[in-house]
Amino acid sequence: MTAHHIEKHGPALRVTCLFVLMLAGAGCSAVRIVAMNNNYVTLVHPFTDAGTESARVLAARECRMHSQVAVKTSDACSLSQCTTNYQCMEPVEAKQYPP
């Protein structure tokens, strides 16, 4: 890109970049914990690969605070979102559960 091109299209490029960043951030921020009870964590997230991964990472972080690992126990999805349940457990116990 030339300086003239950037100068001429700068505002449009900035708006486009902001829009893309908002969309990227929306996927991350849409994951939320809806319930925590003892060693169980329930999350709601978008029905996308990115949403599933973000939920897994968030559950792992919550369990790691107790020196445990997150094991997905169930999930249910609509066309737009999923509810996924994780159980925090000791690493030795977690090995008994299939991935």
PDB file of N, CA and C in Angstrom:
ATOM      1  N   MET A   1       0.829  -1.169   0.000  1.00  0.00           N
ATOM      2  CA  MET A   1       0.000   0.000   0.000  1.00  0.00           C
ATOM      3  C   MET A   1       0.883   1.245   0.000  1.00  0.00           C
ATOM      4  N   THR A   2       0.447   2.202  -0.728  1.00  0.00           N
ATOM      5  CA  THR A   2       1.180   3.463  -0.763  1.00  0.00           C
ATOM      6  C   THR A   2       0.621   4.413   0.288  1.00  0.00           C
ATOM      7  N   ALA A   3       1.398   5.437   0.583  1.00  0.00           N
ATOM      8  CA  ALA A   3       0.943   6.436   1.547  1.00  0.00           C
ATOM      9  C   ALA A   3      -0.325   7.116   1.057  1.00  0.00           C
ATOM     10  N   HIS A   4      -0.419   7.343  -0.262  1.00  0.00           N
ATOM     11  CA  HIS A   4      -1.618   7.966  -0.830  1.00  0.00           C
ATOM     12  C   HIS A   4      -2.839   7.075  -0.594  1.00  0.00           C
ATOM     13  N   HIS A   5      -2.682   5.774  -0.797  1.00  0.00           N
ATOM     14  CA  HIS A   5      -3.791   4.826  -0.618  1.00  0.00           C
ATOM     15  C   HIS A   5      -4.258   4.829   0.846  1.00  0.00           C
ATOM     16  N   ILE A   6      -3.297   4.793   1.767  1.00  0.00           N
ATOM     17  CA  ILE A   6      -3.647   4.790   3.189  1.00  0.00           C
ATOM     18  C   ILE A   6      -4.331   6.098   3.574  1.00  0.00           C
ATOM     19  N   GLU A   7      -3.796   7.217   3.052  1.00  0.00           N
ATOM     20  CA  GLU A   7      -4.386   8.516   3.366  1.00  0.00           C
ATOM     21  C   GLU A   7      -5.801   8.613   2.821  1.00  0.00           C
ATOM     22  N   LYS A   8      -6.001   8.116   1.593  1.00  0.00           N
ATOM     23  CA  LYS A   8      -7.311   8.208   0.945  1.00  0.00           C
ATOM     24  C   LYS A   8      -8.336   7.289   1.605  1.00  0.00           C
ATOM     25  N   HIS A   9      -7.904   6.074   1.979  1.00  0.00           N
ATOM     26  CA  HIS A   9      -8.842   5.063   2.498  1.00  0.00           C
ATOM     27  C   HIS A   9      -8.668   4.810   3.989  1.00  0.00           C
ATOM     28  N   GLY A  10      -7.876   5.613   4.672  1.00  0.00           N
ATOM     29  CA  GLY A  10      -7.589   5.417   6.096  1.00  0.00           C
ATOM     30  C   GLY A  10      -8.821   5.268   6.963  1.00  0.00           C
ATOM     31  N   PRO A  11      -9.786   6.217   6.895  1.00  0.00           N
ATOM     32  CA  PRO A  11     -10.970   6.083   7.757  1.00  0.00           C
ATOM     33  C   PRO A  11     -11.744   4.789   7.500  1.00  0.00           C
ATOM     34  N   ALA A  12     -11.884   4.414   6.246  1.00  0.00           N
ATOM     35  CA  ALA A  12     -12.613   3.176   5.935  1.00  0.00           C
ATOM     36  C   ALA A  12     -11.848   1.965   6.447  1.00  0.00           C
ATOM     37  N   LEU A  13     -10.518   1.997   6.329  1.00  0.00           N
ATOM     38  CA  LEU A  13      -9.717   0.884   6.836  1.00  0.00           C
ATOM     39  C   LEU A  13      -9.826   0.787   8.352  1.00  0.00           C
ATOM     40  N   ARG A  14      -9.833   1.917   9.032  1.00  0.00           N
ATOM     41  CA  ARG A  14      -9.951   1.904  10.488  1.00  0.00           C
ATOM     42  C   ARG A  14     -11.301   1.331  10.920  1.00  0.00           C
ATOM     43  N   VAL A  15     -12.364   1.740  10.238  1.00  0.00           N
ATOM     44  CA  VAL A  15     -13.697   1.234  10.572  1.00  0.00           C
ATOM     45  C   VAL A  15     -13.753  -0.265  10.316  1.00  0.00           C
ATOM     46  N   THR A  16     -13.195  -0.704   9.205  1.00  0.00           N
ATOM     47  CA  THR A  16     -13.191  -2.133   8.885  1.00  0.00           C
ATOM     48  C   THR A  16     -12.414  -2.907   9.936  1.00  0.00           C
ATOM     49  N   CYS A  17     -11.253  -2.398  10.319  1.00  0.00           N
ATOM     50  CA  CYS A  17     -10.443  -3.076  11.338  1.00  0.00           C
ATOM     51  C   CYS A  17     -11.190  -3.145  12.668  1.00  0.00           C
ATOM     52  N   LEU A  18     -11.839  -2.069  13.065  1.00  0.00           N
ATOM     53  CA  LEU A  18     -12.595  -2.079  14.309  1.00  0.00           C
ATOM     54  C   LEU A  18     -13.737  -3.081  14.259  1.00  0.00           C
ATOM     55  N   PHE A  19     -14.414  -3.156  13.123  1.00  0.00           N
ATOM     56  CA  PHE A  19     -15.512  -4.098  12.961  1.00  0.00           C
ATOM     57  C   PHE A  19     -15.011  -5.536  13.091  1.00  0.00           C
ATOM     58  N   VAL A  20     -13.903  -5.840  12.454  1.00  0.00           N
ATOM     59  CA  VAL A  20     -13.335  -7.186  12.523  1.00  0.00           C
ATOM     60  C   VAL A  20     -12.925  -7.510  13.955  1.00  0.00           C
ATOM     61  N   LEU A  21     -12.311  -6.563  14.640  1.00  0.00           N
ATOM     62  CA  LEU A  21     -11.926  -6.798  16.026  1.00  0.00           C
ATOM     63  C   LEU A  21     -13.137  -7.001  16.929  1.00  0.00           C
ATOM     64  N   MET A  22     -14.205  -6.266  16.682  1.00  0.00           N
ATOM     65  CA  MET A  22     -15.420  -6.445  17.470  1.00  0.00           C
ATOM     66  C   MET A  22     -15.997  -7.833  17.264  1.00  0.00           C
ATOM     67  N   LEU A  23     -16.011  -8.297  16.020  1.00  0.00           N
ATOM     68  CA  LEU A  23     -16.530  -9.634  15.747  1.00  0.00           C
ATOM     69  C   LEU A  23     -15.667 -10.698  16.401  1.00  0.00           C
ATOM     70  N   ALA A  24     -14.370 -10.530  16.330  1.00  0.00           N
ATOM     71  CA  ALA A  24     -13.466 -11.507  16.934  1.00  0.00           C
ATOM     72  C   ALA A  24     -13.657 -11.528  18.448  1.00  0.00           C
ATOM     73  N   GLY A  25     -13.793 -10.375  19.042  1.00  0.00           N
ATOM     74  CA  GLY A  25     -13.991 -10.297  20.481  1.00  0.00           C
ATOM     75  C   GLY A  25     -15.344 -10.796  20.922  1.00  0.00           C
ATOM     76  N   ALA A  26     -16.330 -10.680  20.063  1.00  0.00           N
ATOM     77  CA  ALA A  26     -17.684 -11.120  20.418  1.00  0.00           C
ATOM     78  C   ALA A  26     -17.720 -12.609  20.685  1.00  0.00           C
ATOM     79  N   GLY A  27     -16.968 -13.380  19.916  1.00  0.00           N
ATOM     80  CA  GLY A  27     -16.933 -14.817  20.121  1.00  0.00           C
ATOM     81  C   GLY A  27     -16.368 -15.176  21.476  1.00  0.00           C
ATOM     82  N   CYS A  28     -15.362 -14.444  21.913  1.00  0.00           N
ATOM     83  CA  CYS A  28     -14.734 -14.718  23.202  1.00  0.00           C
ATOM     84  C   CYS A  28     -15.618 -14.264  24.356  1.00  0.00           C
ATOM     85  N   SER A  29     -16.181 -13.099  24.237  1.00  0.00           N
ATOM     86  CA  SER A  29     -16.942 -12.555  25.349  1.00  0.00           C
ATOM     87  C   SER A  29     -18.294 -13.230  25.497  1.00  0.00           C
ATOM     88  N   ALA A  30     -18.747 -13.954  24.511  1.00  0.00           N
ATOM     89  CA  ALA A  30     -20.051 -14.596  24.576  1.00  0.00           C
ATOM     90  C   ALA A  30     -20.022 -15.860  25.432  1.00  0.00           C
ATOM     91  N   VAL A  31     -18.840 -16.326  25.820  1.00  0.00           N
ATOM     92  CA  VAL A  31     -18.740 -17.493  26.688  1.00  0.00           C
ATOM     93  C   VAL A  31     -18.890 -17.014  28.129  1.00  0.00           C
ATOM     94  N   ARG A  32     -19.812 -17.625  28.844  1.00  0.00           N
ATOM     95  CA  ARG A  32     -20.008 -17.203  30.224  1.00  0.00           C
ATOM     96  C   ARG A  32     -20.328 -18.399  31.111  1.00  0.00           C
ATOM     97  N   ILE A  33     -19.899 -18.282  32.331  1.00  0.00           N
ATOM     98  CA  ILE A  33     -20.218 -19.299  33.327  1.00  0.00           C
ATOM     99  C   ILE A  33     -21.606 -18.986  33.861  1.00  0.00           C
ATOM    100  N   VAL A  34     -22.486 -19.958  33.805  1.00  0.00           N
ATOM    101  CA  VAL A  34     -23.846 -19.736  34.288  1.00  0.00           C
ATOM    102  C   VAL A  34     -24.096 -20.425  35.621  1.00  0.00           C
ATOM    103  N   ALA A  35     -23.225 -21.366  35.988  1.00  0.00           N
ATOM    104  CA  ALA A  35     -23.374 -22.031  37.282  1.00  0.00           C
ATOM    105  C   ALA A  35     -22.041 -22.636  37.706  1.00  0.00           C
ATOM    106  N   MET A  36     -21.775 -22.506  39.004  1.00  0.00           N
ATOM    107  CA  MET A  36     -20.632 -23.178  39.618  1.00  0.00           C
ATOM    108  C   MET A  36     -21.122 -23.750  40.935  1.00  0.00           C
ATOM    109  N   ASN A  37     -20.982 -25.042  41.082  1.00  0.00           N
ATOM    110  CA  ASN A  37     -21.448 -25.703  42.292  1.00  0.00           C
ATOM    111  C   ASN A  37     -20.405 -26.737  42.686  1.00  0.00           C
ATOM    112  N   ASN A  38     -19.730 -26.493  43.792  1.00  0.00           N
ATOM    113  CA  ASN A  38     -18.640 -27.364  44.246  1.00  0.00           C
ATOM    114  C   ASN A  38     -17.613 -27.523  43.138  1.00  0.00           C
ATOM    115  N   ASN A  39     -17.550 -28.689  42.543  1.00  0.00           N
ATOM    116  CA  ASN A  39     -16.558 -28.908  41.494  1.00  0.00           C
ATOM    117  C   ASN A  39     -17.191 -29.040  40.105  1.00  0.00           C
ATOM    118  N   TYR A  40     -18.362 -28.474  39.921  1.00  0.00           N
ATOM    119  CA  TYR A  40     -19.031 -28.485  38.620  1.00  0.00           C
ATOM    120  C   TYR A  40     -19.093 -27.072  38.050  1.00  0.00           C
ATOM    121  N   VAL A  41     -18.862 -26.960  36.746  1.00  0.00           N
ATOM    122  CA  VAL A  41     -18.912 -25.672  36.056  1.00  0.00           C
ATOM    123  C   VAL A  41     -19.809 -25.836  34.837  1.00  0.00           C
ATOM    124  N   THR A  42     -20.792 -24.963  34.691  1.00  0.00           N
ATOM    125  CA  THR A  42     -21.676 -24.964  33.530  1.00  0.00           C
ATOM    126  C   THR A  42     -21.457 -23.670  32.762  1.00  0.00           C
ATOM    127  N   LEU A  43     -21.209 -23.801  31.456  1.00  0.00           N
ATOM    128  CA  LEU A  43     -20.939 -22.643  30.609  1.00  0.00           C
ATOM    129  C   LEU A  43     -21.911 -22.610  29.437  1.00  0.00           C
ATOM    130  N   VAL A  44     -22.218 -21.397  28.993  1.00  0.00           N
ATOM    131  CA  VAL A  44     -23.002 -21.187  27.775  1.00  0.00           C
ATOM    132  C   VAL A  44     -22.070 -20.491  26.795  1.00  0.00           C
ATOM    133  N   HIS A  45     -22.059 -20.984  25.552  1.00  0.00           N
ATOM    134  CA  HIS A  45     -21.148 -20.434  24.546  1.00  0.00           C
ATOM    135  C   HIS A  45     -21.739 -20.594  23.154  1.00  0.00           C
ATOM    136  N   PRO A  46     -21.218 -19.847  22.188  1.00  0.00           N
ATOM    137  CA  PRO A  46     -21.717 -19.963  20.815  1.00  0.00           C
ATOM    138  C   PRO A  46     -21.480 -21.371  20.256  1.00  0.00           C
ATOM    139  N   PHE A  47     -22.341 -21.774  19.371  1.00  0.00           N
ATOM    140  CA  PHE A  47     -22.233 -23.082  18.720  1.00  0.00           C
ATOM    141  C   PHE A  47     -21.247 -22.966  17.561  1.00  0.00           C
ATOM    142  N   THR A  48     -19.984 -22.758  17.939  1.00  0.00           N
ATOM    143  CA  THR A  48     -18.886 -22.663  16.972  1.00  0.00           C
ATOM    144  C   THR A  48     -17.692 -23.390  17.566  1.00  0.00           C
ATOM    145  N   ASP A  49     -16.721 -23.716  16.708  1.00  0.00           N
ATOM    146  CA  ASP A  49     -15.488 -24.327  17.208  1.00  0.00           C
ATOM    147  C   ASP A  49     -14.777 -23.388  18.169  1.00  0.00           C
ATOM    148  N   ALA A  50     -14.754 -22.105  17.827  1.00  0.00           N
ATOM    149  CA  ALA A  50     -14.094 -21.112  18.685  1.00  0.00           C
ATOM    150  C   ALA A  50     -14.808 -21.000  20.032  1.00  0.00           C
ATOM    151  N   GLY A  51     -16.127 -21.023  20.023  1.00  0.00           N
ATOM    152  CA  GLY A  51     -16.887 -20.958  21.268  1.00  0.00           C
ATOM    153  C   GLY A  51     -16.644 -22.171  22.143  1.00  0.00           C
ATOM    154  N   THR A  52     -16.577 -23.345  21.525  1.00  0.00           N
ATOM    155  CA  THR A  52     -16.300 -24.577  22.261  1.00  0.00           C
ATOM    156  C   THR A  52     -14.916 -24.528  22.888  1.00  0.00           C
ATOM    157  N   GLU A  53     -13.939 -24.066  22.113  1.00  0.00           N
ATOM    158  CA  GLU A  53     -12.573 -23.970  22.631  1.00  0.00           C
ATOM    159  C   GLU A  53     -12.471 -22.940  23.757  1.00  0.00           C
ATOM    160  N   SER A  54     -13.145 -21.813  23.597  1.00  0.00           N
ATOM    161  CA  SER A  54     -13.122 -20.790  24.651  1.00  0.00           C
ATOM    162  C   SER A  54     -13.752 -21.319  25.940  1.00  0.00           C
ATOM    163  N   ALA A  55     -14.821 -22.087  25.816  1.00  0.00           N
ATOM    164  CA  ALA A  55     -15.456 -22.678  26.995  1.00  0.00           C
ATOM    165  C   ALA A  55     -14.519 -23.674  27.664  1.00  0.00           C
ATOM    166  N   ARG A  56     -13.833 -24.479  26.874  1.00  0.00           N
ATOM    167  CA  ARG A  56     -12.891 -25.458  27.425  1.00  0.00           C
ATOM    168  C   ARG A  56     -11.770 -24.757  28.191  1.00  0.00           C
ATOM    169  N   VAL A  57     -11.240 -23.691  27.597  1.00  0.00           N
ATOM    170  CA  VAL A  57     -10.155 -22.946  28.235  1.00  0.00           C
ATOM    171  C   VAL A  57     -10.629 -22.302  29.544  1.00  0.00           C
ATOM    172  N   LEU A  58     -11.822 -21.729  29.531  1.00  0.00           N
ATOM    173  CA  LEU A  58     -12.357 -21.091  30.740  1.00  0.00           C
ATOM    174  C   LEU A  58     -12.593 -22.118  31.842  1.00  0.00           C
ATOM    175  N   ALA A  59     -13.150 -23.268  31.481  1.00  0.00           N
ATOM    176  CA  ALA A  59     -13.373 -24.323  32.479  1.00  0.00           C
ATOM    177  C   ALA A  59     -12.039 -24.817  33.041  1.00  0.00           C
ATOM    178  N   ALA A  60     -11.059 -24.990  32.171  1.00  0.00           N
ATOM    179  CA  ALA A  60      -9.738 -25.444  32.626  1.00  0.00           C
ATOM    180  C   ALA A  60      -9.126 -24.433  33.589  1.00  0.00           C
ATOM    181  N   ARG A  61      -9.281 -23.155  33.301  1.00  0.00           N
ATOM    182  CA  ARG A  61      -8.733 -22.117  34.175  1.00  0.00           C
ATOM    183  C   ARG A  61      -9.410 -22.145  35.549  1.00  0.00           C
ATOM    184  N   GLU A  62     -10.739 -22.305  35.555  1.00  0.00           N
ATOM    185  CA  GLU A  62     -11.465 -22.363  36.830  1.00  0.00           C
ATOM    186  C   GLU A  62     -11.021 -23.571  37.654  1.00  0.00           C
ATOM    187  N   CYS A  63     -10.876 -24.710  37.014  1.00  0.00           N
ATOM    188  CA  CYS A  63     -10.474 -25.920  37.738  1.00  0.00           C
ATOM    189  C   CYS A  63      -9.024 -25.839  38.205  1.00  0.00           C
ATOM    190  N   ARG A  64      -8.184 -25.230  37.401  1.00  0.00           N
ATOM    191  CA  ARG A  64      -6.763 -25.103  37.743  1.00  0.00           C
ATOM    192  C   ARG A  64      -6.570 -24.298  39.041  1.00  0.00           C
ATOM    193  N   MET A  65      -7.486 -23.416  39.339  1.00  0.00           N
ATOM    194  CA  MET A  65      -7.390 -22.646  40.587  1.00  0.00           C
ATOM    195  C   MET A  65      -7.460 -23.554  41.815  1.00  0.00           C
ATOM    196  N   HIS A  66      -7.985 -24.767  41.631  1.00  0.00           N
ATOM    197  CA  HIS A  66      -8.100 -25.732  42.719  1.00  0.00           C
ATOM    198  C   HIS A  66      -7.165 -26.922  42.490  1.00  0.00           C
ATOM    199  N   SER A  67      -6.182 -26.720  41.617  1.00  0.00           N
ATOM    200  CA  SER A  67      -5.209 -27.771  41.270  1.00  0.00           C
ATOM    201  C   SER A  67      -5.897 -29.012  40.712  1.00  0.00           C
ATOM    202  N   GLN A  68      -6.946 -28.784  39.939  1.00  0.00           N
ATOM    203  CA  GLN A  68      -7.670 -29.880  39.312  1.00  0.00           C
ATOM    204  C   GLN A  68      -7.730 -29.645  37.806  1.00  0.00           C
ATOM    205  N   VAL A  69      -8.232 -30.649  37.095  1.00  0.00           N
ATOM    206  CA  VAL A  69      -8.402 -30.524  35.649  1.00  0.00           C
ATOM    207  C   VAL A  69      -9.882 -30.568  35.308  1.00  0.00           C
ATOM    208  N   ALA A  70     -10.242 -29.970  34.172  1.00  0.00           N
ATOM    209  CA  ALA A  70     -11.641 -29.931  33.741  1.00  0.00           C
ATOM    210  C   ALA A  70     -11.932 -31.119  32.829  1.00  0.00           C
ATOM    211  N   VAL A  71     -13.000 -31.824  33.142  1.00  0.00           N
ATOM    212  CA  VAL A  71     -13.454 -32.945  32.314  1.00  0.00           C
ATOM    213  C   VAL A  71     -14.864 -32.631  31.840  1.00  0.00           C
ATOM    214  N   LYS A  72     -15.056 -32.623  30.517  1.00  0.00           N
ATOM    215  CA  LYS A  72     -16.391 -32.347  29.976  1.00  0.00           C
ATOM    216  C   LYS A  72     -17.283 -33.543  30.256  1.00  0.00           C
ATOM    217  N   THR A  73     -18.411 -33.289  30.910  1.00  0.00           N
ATOM    218  CA  THR A  73     -19.327 -34.373  31.261  1.00  0.00           C
ATOM    219  C   THR A  73     -20.555 -34.425  30.363  1.00  0.00           C
ATOM    220  N   SER A  74     -20.951 -33.266  29.815  1.00  0.00           N
ATOM    221  CA  SER A  74     -22.102 -33.264  28.900  1.00  0.00           C
ATOM    222  C   SER A  74     -22.170 -31.931  28.181  1.00  0.00           C
ATOM    223  N   ASP A  75     -22.886 -31.938  27.076  1.00  0.00           N
ATOM    224  CA  ASP A  75     -23.184 -30.686  26.386  1.00  0.00           C
ATOM    225  C   ASP A  75     -24.443 -30.865  25.558  1.00  0.00           C
ATOM    226  N   ALA A  76     -25.127 -29.755  25.357  1.00  0.00           N
ATOM    227  CA  ALA A  76     -26.340 -29.730  24.545  1.00  0.00           C
ATOM    228  C   ALA A  76     -26.335 -28.426  23.767  1.00  0.00           C
ATOM    229  N   CYS A  77     -26.681 -28.518  22.474  1.00  0.00           N
ATOM    230  CA  CYS A  77     -26.597 -27.336  21.621  1.00  0.00           C
ATOM    231  C   CYS A  77     -27.890 -27.099  20.851  1.00  0.00           C
ATOM    232  N   SER A  78     -28.171 -25.818  20.647  1.00  0.00           N
ATOM    233  CA  SER A  78     -29.214 -25.411  19.708  1.00  0.00           C
ATOM    234  C   SER A  78     -28.474 -24.994  18.446  1.00  0.00           C
ATOM    235  N   LEU A  79     -29.157 -24.349  17.530  1.00  0.00           N
ATOM    236  CA  LEU A  79     -28.490 -23.902  16.308  1.00  0.00           C
ATOM    237  C   LEU A  79     -27.561 -22.720  16.553  1.00  0.00           C
ATOM    238  N   SER A  80     -27.685 -22.070  17.705  1.00  0.00           N
ATOM    239  CA  SER A  80     -26.869 -20.879  17.936  1.00  0.00           C
ATOM    240  C   SER A  80     -25.969 -20.958  19.172  1.00  0.00           C
ATOM    241  N   GLN A  81     -26.344 -21.750  20.187  1.00  0.00           N
ATOM    242  CA  GLN A  81     -25.515 -21.784  21.388  1.00  0.00           C
ATOM    243  C   GLN A  81     -25.510 -23.163  22.022  1.00  0.00           C
ATOM    244  N   CYS A  82     -24.526 -23.368  22.880  1.00  0.00           N
ATOM    245  CA  CYS A  82     -24.393 -24.636  23.593  1.00  0.00           C
ATOM    246  C   CYS A  82     -24.325 -24.378  25.087  1.00  0.00           C
ATOM    247  N   THR A  83     -24.763 -25.362  25.840  1.00  0.00           N
ATOM    248  CA  THR A  83     -24.552 -25.391  27.276  1.00  0.00           C
ATOM    249  C   THR A  83     -23.668 -26.605  27.533  1.00  0.00           C
ATOM    250  N   THR A  84     -22.520 -26.354  28.148  1.00  0.00           N
ATOM    251  CA  THR A  84     -21.554 -27.425  28.363  1.00  0.00           C
ATOM    252  C   THR A  84     -21.221 -27.514  29.842  1.00  0.00           C
ATOM    253  N   ASN A  85     -21.199 -28.746  30.341  1.00  0.00           N
ATOM    254  CA  ASN A  85     -20.910 -29.001  31.750  1.00  0.00           C
ATOM    255  C   ASN A  85     -19.530 -29.645  31.887  1.00  0.00           C
ATOM    256  N   TYR A  86     -18.778 -29.143  32.846  1.00  0.00           N
ATOM    257  CA  TYR A  86     -17.468 -29.694  33.178  1.00  0.00           C
ATOM    258  C   TYR A  86     -17.458 -30.042  34.650  1.00  0.00           C
ATOM    259  N   GLN A  87     -16.676 -31.060  34.979  1.00  0.00           N
ATOM    260  CA  GLN A  87     -16.436 -31.393  36.369  1.00  0.00           C
ATOM    261  C   GLN A  87     -14.951 -31.228  36.630  1.00  0.00           C
ATOM    262  N   CYS A  88     -14.619 -30.528  37.701  1.00  0.00           N
ATOM    263  CA  CYS A  88     -13.224 -30.390  38.118  1.00  0.00           C
ATOM    264  C   CYS A  88     -12.876 -31.616  38.945  1.00  0.00           C
ATOM    265  N   MET A  89     -11.784 -32.266  38.583  1.00  0.00           N
ATOM    266  CA  MET A  89     -11.372 -33.453  39.327  1.00  0.00           C
ATOM    267  C   MET A  89      -9.863 -33.587  39.342  1.00  0.00           C
ATOM    268  N   GLU A  90      -9.396 -34.429  40.210  1.00  0.00           N
ATOM    269  CA  GLU A  90      -7.968 -34.691  40.314  1.00  0.00           C
ATOM    270  C   GLU A  90      -7.483 -35.338  39.015  1.00  0.00           C
ATOM    271  N   PRO A  91      -6.257 -35.033  38.594  1.00  0.00           N
ATOM    272  CA  PRO A  91      -5.752 -35.579  37.336  1.00  0.00           C
ATOM    273  C   PRO A  91      -5.806 -37.104  37.259  1.00  0.00           C
ATOM    274  N   VAL A  92      -5.561 -37.793  38.385  1.00  0.00           N
ATOM    275  CA  VAL A  92      -5.617 -39.256  38.389  1.00  0.00           C
ATOM    276  C   VAL A  92      -7.026 -39.750  38.059  1.00  0.00           C
ATOM    277  N   GLU A  93      -8.031 -39.108  38.645  1.00  0.00           N
ATOM    278  CA  GLU A  93      -9.423 -39.480  38.372  1.00  0.00           C
ATOM    279  C   GLU A  93      -9.802 -39.172  36.938  1.00  0.00           C
ATOM    280  N   ALA A  94      -9.304 -38.046  36.415  1.00  0.00           N
ATOM    281  CA  ALA A  94      -9.667 -37.611  35.068  1.00  0.00           C
ATOM    282  C   ALA A  94      -9.200 -38.589  34.009  1.00  0.00           C
ATOM    283  N   LYS A  95      -8.124 -39.317  34.275  1.00  0.00           N
ATOM    284  CA  LYS A  95      -7.612 -40.285  33.299  1.00  0.00           C
ATOM    285  C   LYS A  95      -8.589 -41.429  33.039  1.00  0.00           C
ATOM    286  N   GLN A  96      -9.544 -41.639  33.937  1.00  0.00           N
ATOM    287  CA  GLN A  96     -10.534 -42.710  33.764  1.00  0.00           C
ATOM    288  C   GLN A  96     -11.609 -42.352  32.743  1.00  0.00           C
ATOM    289  N   TYR A  97     -11.711 -41.048  32.407  1.00  0.00           N
ATOM    290  CA  TYR A  97     -12.736 -40.599  31.494  1.00  0.00           C
ATOM    291  C   TYR A  97     -12.170 -40.481  30.083  1.00  0.00           C
ATOM    292  N   PRO A  98     -12.891 -40.992  29.092  1.00  0.00           N
ATOM    293  CA  PRO A  98     -12.393 -40.887  27.706  1.00  0.00           C
ATOM    294  C   PRO A  98     -12.412 -39.424  27.255  1.00  0.00           C
ATOM    295  N   PRO A  99     -11.494 -39.061  26.369  1.00  0.00           N
ATOM    296  CA  PRO A  99     -11.440 -37.661  25.883  1.00  0.00           C
ATOM    297  C   PRO A  99     -12.657 -37.277  25.069  1.00  0.00           C
TER     298      PRO A  99
END
